[in-house]
Amino acid sequence: MGRHLADHRSATTGGKVQQFLRLARVQRKIWHRSHAPVGPARLINFLRIARGRSA
């Protein structure tokens, strides 16, 4: 008895994996934004708090 047609599939090209990775990259860009550059005023306030001084 021969094998079923579904058992003779050709090799895939990885299209589903490529689309999954593309979507994962897009979602990562939406939710994981890079930090804003620290301005001088913010740095001064951080150092003031780190030294234990209040405003």
N, C-alpha and C. Protein backbone atom coordinates (compact mmCIF):
# COMPACT_ATOMS: atom_id res chain seq x y z
N MET A 1 0.84 -1.17 0.00
CA MET A 1 0.00 0.00 0.00
C MET A 1 0.90 1.25 0.00
N GLY A 2 0.57 2.20 -0.83
CA GLY A 2 1.40 3.39 -0.96
C GLY A 2 1.12 4.41 0.13
N ARG A 3 1.96 5.41 0.17
CA ARG A 3 1.79 6.47 1.16
C ARG A 3 0.78 7.49 0.66
N HIS A 4 0.17 8.18 1.59
CA HIS A 4 -0.83 9.18 1.27
C HIS A 4 -0.15 10.40 0.65
N LEU A 5 -0.89 11.18 -0.13
CA LEU A 5 -0.33 12.36 -0.77
C LEU A 5 0.21 13.37 0.24
N ALA A 6 -0.42 13.47 1.39
CA ALA A 6 0.03 14.41 2.41
C ALA A 6 1.40 14.02 2.96
N ASP A 7 1.80 12.78 2.81
CA ASP A 7 3.10 12.33 3.30
C ASP A 7 4.22 12.64 2.32
N HIS A 8 3.92 13.21 1.17
CA HIS A 8 4.92 13.51 0.15
C HIS A 8 5.09 15.01 -0.05
N ARG A 9 5.04 15.76 1.03
CA ARG A 9 5.15 17.22 0.91
C ARG A 9 6.58 17.62 0.54
N SER A 10 6.69 18.68 -0.23
CA SER A 10 8.01 19.20 -0.57
C SER A 10 8.54 20.03 0.59
N ALA A 11 9.82 20.29 0.58
CA ALA A 11 10.45 21.06 1.66
C ALA A 11 9.93 22.49 1.64
N THR A 12 9.74 23.08 2.81
CA THR A 12 9.24 24.45 2.89
C THR A 12 10.40 25.43 2.73
N THR A 13 10.05 26.66 2.43
CA THR A 13 11.06 27.70 2.26
C THR A 13 11.22 28.55 3.51
N GLY A 14 10.49 28.25 4.57
CA GLY A 14 10.60 29.00 5.82
C GLY A 14 9.81 30.30 5.82
N GLY A 15 8.79 30.40 4.99
CA GLY A 15 8.00 31.63 4.90
C GLY A 15 7.28 31.97 6.18
N LYS A 16 6.73 30.95 6.86
CA LYS A 16 6.01 31.22 8.11
C LYS A 16 6.96 31.73 9.18
N VAL A 17 8.14 31.16 9.24
CA VAL A 17 9.12 31.61 10.24
C VAL A 17 9.56 33.04 9.94
N GLN A 18 9.78 33.35 8.67
CA GLN A 18 10.19 34.70 8.30
C GLN A 18 9.12 35.72 8.67
N GLN A 19 7.86 35.41 8.43
CA GLN A 19 6.78 36.33 8.78
C GLN A 19 6.65 36.48 10.29
N PHE A 20 6.82 35.38 11.03
CA PHE A 20 6.76 35.44 12.49
C PHE A 20 7.86 36.35 13.03
N LEU A 21 9.08 36.20 12.51
CA LEU A 21 10.18 37.04 12.98
C LEU A 21 9.98 38.50 12.60
N ARG A 22 9.40 38.75 11.43
CA ARG A 22 9.13 40.12 11.01
C ARG A 22 8.13 40.77 11.96
N LEU A 23 7.06 40.05 12.29
CA LEU A 23 6.06 40.58 13.22
C LEU A 23 6.66 40.79 14.61
N ALA A 24 7.52 39.88 15.04
CA ALA A 24 8.14 40.02 16.36
C ALA A 24 9.01 41.27 16.41
N ARG A 25 9.72 41.57 15.32
CA ARG A 25 10.56 42.78 15.29
C ARG A 25 9.70 44.04 15.32
N VAL A 26 8.59 44.03 14.59
CA VAL A 26 7.71 45.21 14.57
C VAL A 26 7.13 45.45 15.95
N GLN A 27 6.65 44.41 16.61
CA GLN A 27 6.07 44.57 17.94
C GLN A 27 7.12 45.00 18.95
N ARG A 28 8.34 44.52 18.81
CA ARG A 28 9.40 44.91 19.74
C ARG A 28 9.69 46.40 19.59
N LYS A 29 9.64 46.92 18.36
CA LYS A 29 9.88 48.35 18.15
C LYS A 29 8.78 49.19 18.77
N ILE A 30 7.55 48.66 18.77
CA ILE A 30 6.42 49.41 19.33
C ILE A 30 6.53 49.49 20.85
N TRP A 31 6.80 48.36 21.51
CA TRP A 31 6.75 48.30 22.96
C TRP A 31 8.07 48.61 23.64
N HIS A 32 9.18 48.39 22.98
CA HIS A 32 10.49 48.59 23.61
C HIS A 32 11.19 49.76 22.93
N ARG A 33 10.84 50.94 23.36
CA ARG A 33 11.48 52.13 22.80
C ARG A 33 12.80 52.38 23.51
N SER A 34 13.74 52.94 22.79
CA SER A 34 15.02 53.26 23.41
C SER A 34 14.81 54.42 24.37
N HIS A 35 15.67 54.52 25.35
CA HIS A 35 15.56 55.58 26.35
C HIS A 35 15.90 56.92 25.73
N ALA A 36 15.21 57.94 26.21
CA ALA A 36 15.49 59.29 25.74
C ALA A 36 16.85 59.72 26.27
N PRO A 37 17.57 60.53 25.54
CA PRO A 37 18.86 60.99 26.05
C PRO A 37 18.67 61.82 27.32
N VAL A 38 19.57 61.66 28.23
CA VAL A 38 19.49 62.35 29.52
C VAL A 38 19.99 63.78 29.33
N GLY A 39 19.13 64.74 29.66
CA GLY A 39 19.50 66.14 29.56
C GLY A 39 20.29 66.58 30.79
N PRO A 40 20.92 67.74 30.72
CA PRO A 40 21.73 68.21 31.86
C PRO A 40 20.91 68.45 33.12
N ALA A 41 19.69 68.96 33.00
CA ALA A 41 18.86 69.21 34.18
C ALA A 41 18.49 67.91 34.87
N ARG A 42 18.17 66.90 34.08
CA ARG A 42 17.81 65.61 34.67
C ARG A 42 19.02 64.98 35.36
N LEU A 43 20.18 65.13 34.77
CA LEU A 43 21.40 64.58 35.36
C LEU A 43 21.72 65.29 36.67
N ILE A 44 21.56 66.61 36.70
CA ILE A 44 21.82 67.37 37.93
C ILE A 44 20.87 66.93 39.04
N ASN A 45 19.59 66.75 38.72
CA ASN A 45 18.62 66.30 39.73
C ASN A 45 18.95 64.90 40.22
N PHE A 46 19.36 64.03 39.32
CA PHE A 46 19.72 62.67 39.73
C PHE A 46 20.91 62.70 40.69
N LEU A 47 21.92 63.48 40.36
CA LEU A 47 23.10 63.55 41.24
C LEU A 47 22.74 64.18 42.58
N ARG A 48 21.84 65.18 42.58
CA ARG A 48 21.41 65.81 43.83
C ARG A 48 20.71 64.79 44.72
N ILE A 49 19.83 63.99 44.14
CA ILE A 49 19.11 62.97 44.91
C ILE A 49 20.08 61.90 45.39
N ALA A 50 21.04 61.52 44.54
CA ALA A 50 22.00 60.50 44.92
C ALA A 50 22.87 60.95 46.09
N ARG A 51 23.13 62.26 46.18
CA ARG A 51 23.93 62.79 47.29
C ARG A 51 23.11 62.96 48.56
N GLY A 52 21.79 62.81 48.46
CA GLY A 52 20.94 62.90 49.64
C GLY A 52 20.36 64.27 49.89
N ARG A 53 20.47 65.17 48.94
CA ARG A 53 19.92 66.51 49.12
C ARG A 53 18.50 66.56 48.59
N SER A 54 17.65 67.33 49.28
CA SER A 54 16.28 67.50 48.79
C SER A 54 16.18 68.84 48.07
N ALA A 55 15.10 69.03 47.35
CA ALA A 55 14.93 70.24 46.54
C ALA A 55 14.71 71.47 47.38
